[in-house]
């Protein structure tokens, strides 16, 4: 997950944008058929 955020942050920097850490949320979307449980520590 961290690598994904780093990639997004780099893309935004390249396009003269800034990621606001205080307002940034992560939304995980998956199909109903995916019944995997995982733990995410932020």
PDB file of N, CA and C in Angstrom:
ATOM      1  N   UNK A   1       0.832  -1.179   0.000  1.00  0.00           N
ATOM      2  CA  UNK A   1       0.000   0.000   0.000  1.00  0.00           C
ATOM      3  C   UNK A   1       0.882   1.251   0.000  1.00  0.00           C
ATOM      4  N   UNK A   2       1.953   1.186   0.754  1.00  0.00           N
ATOM      5  CA  UNK A   2       2.858   2.343   0.836  1.00  0.00           C
ATOM      6  C   UNK A   2       3.445   2.692  -0.528  1.00  0.00           C
ATOM      7  N   UNK A   3       3.810   1.680  -1.293  1.00  0.00           N
ATOM      8  CA  UNK A   3       4.367   1.908  -2.630  1.00  0.00           C
ATOM      9  C   UNK A   3       3.350   2.614  -3.532  1.00  0.00           C
ATOM     10  N   UNK A   4       2.102   2.259  -3.391  1.00  0.00           N
ATOM     11  CA  UNK A   4       1.034   2.892  -4.170  1.00  0.00           C
ATOM     12  C   UNK A   4       0.931   4.378  -3.817  1.00  0.00           C
ATOM     13  N   UNK A   5       0.965   4.697  -2.538  1.00  0.00           N
ATOM     14  CA  UNK A   5       0.884   6.098  -2.100  1.00  0.00           C
ATOM     15  C   UNK A   5       2.099   6.878  -2.584  1.00  0.00           C
ATOM     16  N   UNK A   6       3.260   6.268  -2.547  1.00  0.00           N
ATOM     17  CA  UNK A   6       4.482   6.921  -3.033  1.00  0.00           C
ATOM     18  C   UNK A   6       4.353   7.223  -4.523  1.00  0.00           C
ATOM     19  N   UNK A   7       3.814   6.290  -5.280  1.00  0.00           N
ATOM     20  CA  UNK A   7       3.620   6.499  -6.719  1.00  0.00           C
ATOM     21  C   UNK A   7       2.646   7.637  -6.990  1.00  0.00           C
ATOM     22  N   UNK A   8       1.571   7.673  -6.240  1.00  0.00           N
ATOM     23  CA  UNK A   8       0.583   8.747  -6.400  1.00  0.00           C
ATOM     24  C   UNK A   8       1.199  10.088  -6.038  1.00  0.00           C
ATOM     25  N   UNK A   9       1.945  10.107  -4.941  1.00  0.00           N
ATOM     26  CA  UNK A   9       2.592  11.353  -4.507  1.00  0.00           C
ATOM     27  C   UNK A   9       3.567  11.864  -5.573  1.00  0.00           C
ATOM     28  N   UNK A  10       4.327  10.961  -6.189  1.00  0.00           N
ATOM     29  CA  UNK A  10       5.275  11.342  -7.232  1.00  0.00           C
ATOM     30  C   UNK A  10       4.547  11.883  -8.457  1.00  0.00           C
ATOM     31  N   UNK A  11       3.457  11.215  -8.858  1.00  0.00           N
ATOM     32  CA  UNK A  11       2.669  11.684 -10.000  1.00  0.00           C
ATOM     33  C   UNK A  11       2.129  13.086  -9.736  1.00  0.00           C
ATOM     34  N   UNK A  12       1.632  13.296  -8.526  1.00  0.00           N
ATOM     35  CA  UNK A  12       1.086  14.611  -8.177  1.00  0.00           C
ATOM     36  C   UNK A  12       2.177  15.679  -8.198  1.00  0.00           C
ATOM     37  N   UNK A  13       3.346  15.350  -7.684  1.00  0.00           N
ATOM     38  CA  UNK A  13       4.462  16.299  -7.687  1.00  0.00           C
ATOM     39  C   UNK A  13       4.855  16.662  -9.117  1.00  0.00           C
ATOM     40  N   UNK A  14       4.907  15.663  -9.993  1.00  0.00           N
ATOM     41  CA  UNK A  14       5.237  15.886 -11.400  1.00  0.00           C
ATOM     42  C   UNK A  14       4.228  16.830 -12.056  1.00  0.00           C
ATOM     43  N   UNK A  15       2.976  16.750 -11.617  1.00  0.00           N
ATOM     44  CA  UNK A  15       1.909  17.572 -12.180  1.00  0.00           C
ATOM     45  C   UNK A  15       1.601  18.805 -11.326  1.00  0.00           C
ATOM     46  N   UNK A  16       2.584  19.178 -10.510  1.00  0.00           N
ATOM     47  CA  UNK A  16       2.499  20.367  -9.659  1.00  0.00           C
ATOM     48  C   UNK A  16       1.279  20.357  -8.732  1.00  0.00           C
ATOM     49  N   UNK A  17       1.015  19.203  -8.147  1.00  0.00           N
ATOM     50  CA  UNK A  17      -0.067  19.046  -7.180  1.00  0.00           C
ATOM     51  C   UNK A  17       0.530  18.577  -5.863  1.00  0.00           C
ATOM     52  N   UNK A  18      -0.244  18.684  -4.799  1.00  0.00           N
ATOM     53  CA  UNK A  18       0.247  18.277  -3.489  1.00  0.00           C
ATOM     54  C   UNK A  18      -0.803  17.414  -2.797  1.00  0.00           C
ATOM     55  N   UNK A  19      -0.358  16.323  -2.218  1.00  0.00           N
ATOM     56  CA  UNK A  19      -1.228  15.429  -1.473  1.00  0.00           C
ATOM     57  C   UNK A  19      -1.338  15.942  -0.040  1.00  0.00           C
ATOM     58  N   UNK A  20      -2.562  16.204   0.415  1.00  0.00           N
ATOM     59  CA  UNK A  20      -2.789  16.686   1.772  1.00  0.00           C
ATOM     60  C   UNK A  20      -2.982  15.470   2.681  1.00  0.00           C
ATOM     61  N   UNK A  21      -1.974  15.143   3.467  1.00  0.00           N
ATOM     62  CA  UNK A  21      -2.020  13.959   4.326  1.00  0.00           C
ATOM     63  C   UNK A  21      -3.148  14.015   5.352  1.00  0.00           C
ATOM     64  N   UNK A  22      -3.524  15.207   5.797  1.00  0.00           N
ATOM     65  CA  UNK A  22      -4.592  15.341   6.791  1.00  0.00           C
ATOM     66  C   UNK A  22      -5.970  15.016   6.211  1.00  0.00           C
ATOM     67  N   UNK A  23      -6.116  15.130   4.903  1.00  0.00           N
ATOM     68  CA  UNK A  23      -7.417  14.901   4.270  1.00  0.00           C
ATOM     69  C   UNK A  23      -7.450  13.647   3.398  1.00  0.00           C
ATOM     70  N   UNK A  24      -6.327  12.967   3.276  1.00  0.00           N
ATOM     71  CA  UNK A  24      -6.244  11.810   2.390  1.00  0.00           C
ATOM     72  C   UNK A  24      -6.768  10.555   3.081  1.00  0.00           C
ATOM     73  N   UNK A  25      -7.645   9.839   2.379  1.00  0.00           N
ATOM     74  CA  UNK A  25      -8.176   8.574   2.866  1.00  0.00           C
ATOM     75  C   UNK A  25      -7.954   7.515   1.799  1.00  0.00           C
ATOM     76  N   UNK A  26      -7.876   6.282   2.223  1.00  0.00           N
ATOM     77  CA  UNK A  26      -7.703   5.171   1.293  1.00  0.00           C
ATOM     78  C   UNK A  26      -8.997   4.371   1.273  1.00  0.00           C
ATOM     79  N   UNK A  27      -9.491   4.103   0.080  1.00  0.00           N
ATOM     80  CA  UNK A  27     -10.700   3.316  -0.098  1.00  0.00           C
ATOM     81  C   UNK A  27     -10.325   2.046  -0.853  1.00  0.00           C
ATOM     82  N   UNK A  28     -10.612   0.913  -0.244  1.00  0.00           N
ATOM     83  CA  UNK A  28     -10.302  -0.365  -0.871  1.00  0.00           C
ATOM     84  C   UNK A  28     -11.601  -0.939  -1.430  1.00  0.00           C
ATOM     85  N   UNK A  29     -11.604  -1.189  -2.738  1.00  0.00           N
ATOM     86  CA  UNK A  29     -12.789  -1.709  -3.419  1.00  0.00           C
ATOM     87  C   UNK A  29     -12.459  -3.099  -3.951  1.00  0.00           C
ATOM     88  N   UNK A  30     -13.369  -4.033  -3.716  1.00  0.00           N
ATOM     89  CA  UNK A  30     -13.165  -5.393  -4.203  1.00  0.00           C
ATOM     90  C   UNK A  30     -14.512  -5.998  -4.577  1.00  0.00           C
ATOM     91  N   UNK A  31     -14.503  -7.012  -5.417  1.00  0.00           N
ATOM     92  CA  UNK A  31     -15.763  -7.664  -5.786  1.00  0.00           C
ATOM     93  C   UNK A  31     -16.334  -8.446  -4.606  1.00  0.00           C
ATOM     94  N   UNK A  32     -17.644  -8.638  -4.587  1.00  0.00           N
ATOM     95  CA  UNK A  32     -18.289  -9.387  -3.512  1.00  0.00           C
ATOM     96  C   UNK A  32     -17.721 -10.795  -3.376  1.00  0.00           C
ATOM     97  N   UNK A  33     -17.295 -11.366  -4.491  1.00  0.00           N
ATOM     98  CA  UNK A  33     -16.791 -12.740  -4.468  1.00  0.00           C
ATOM     99  C   UNK A  33     -15.447 -12.872  -3.753  1.00  0.00           C
ATOM    100  N   UNK A  34     -14.776 -11.764  -3.511  1.00  0.00           N
ATOM    101  CA  UNK A  34     -13.478 -11.805  -2.825  1.00  0.00           C
ATOM    102  C   UNK A  34     -13.714 -11.741  -1.317  1.00  0.00           C
ATOM    103  N   UNK A  35     -13.601 -12.869  -0.668  1.00  0.00           N
ATOM    104  CA  UNK A  35     -13.853 -12.947   0.774  1.00  0.00           C
ATOM    105  C   UNK A  35     -12.546 -13.031   1.553  1.00  0.00           C
ATOM    106  N   UNK A  36     -11.580 -12.248   1.154  1.00  0.00           N
ATOM    107  CA  UNK A  36     -10.287 -12.267   1.816  1.00  0.00           C
ATOM    108  C   UNK A  36     -10.289 -11.268   2.965  1.00  0.00           C
ATOM    109  N   UNK A  37      -9.713 -11.667   4.065  1.00  0.00           N
ATOM    110  CA  UNK A  37      -9.547 -10.780   5.205  1.00  0.00           C
ATOM    111  C   UNK A  37      -8.091 -10.336   5.238  1.00  0.00           C
ATOM    112  N   UNK A  38      -7.878  -9.054   5.438  1.00  0.00           N
ATOM    113  CA  UNK A  38      -6.515  -8.559   5.539  1.00  0.00           C
ATOM    114  C   UNK A  38      -6.477  -7.446   6.566  1.00  0.00           C
ATOM    115  N   UNK A  39      -5.306  -7.179   7.060  1.00  0.00           N
ATOM    116  CA  UNK A  39      -5.116  -6.145   8.057  1.00  0.00           C
ATOM    117  C   UNK A  39      -4.205  -5.078   7.477  1.00  0.00           C
ATOM    118  N   UNK A  40      -4.562  -3.838   7.703  1.00  0.00           N
ATOM    119  CA  UNK A  40      -3.798  -2.718   7.176  1.00  0.00           C
ATOM    120  C   UNK A  40      -3.437  -1.800   8.331  1.00  0.00           C
ATOM    121  N   UNK A  41      -2.157  -1.589   8.524  1.00  0.00           N
ATOM    122  CA  UNK A  41      -1.695  -0.691   9.576  1.00  0.00           C
ATOM    123  C   UNK A  41      -1.193   0.586   8.928  1.00  0.00           C
ATOM    124  N   UNK A  42      -1.749   1.709   9.357  1.00  0.00           N
ATOM    125  CA  UNK A  42      -1.377   3.002   8.777  1.00  0.00           C
ATOM    126  C   UNK A  42      -0.663   3.828   9.817  1.00  0.00           C
TER     127      UNK A  42
END
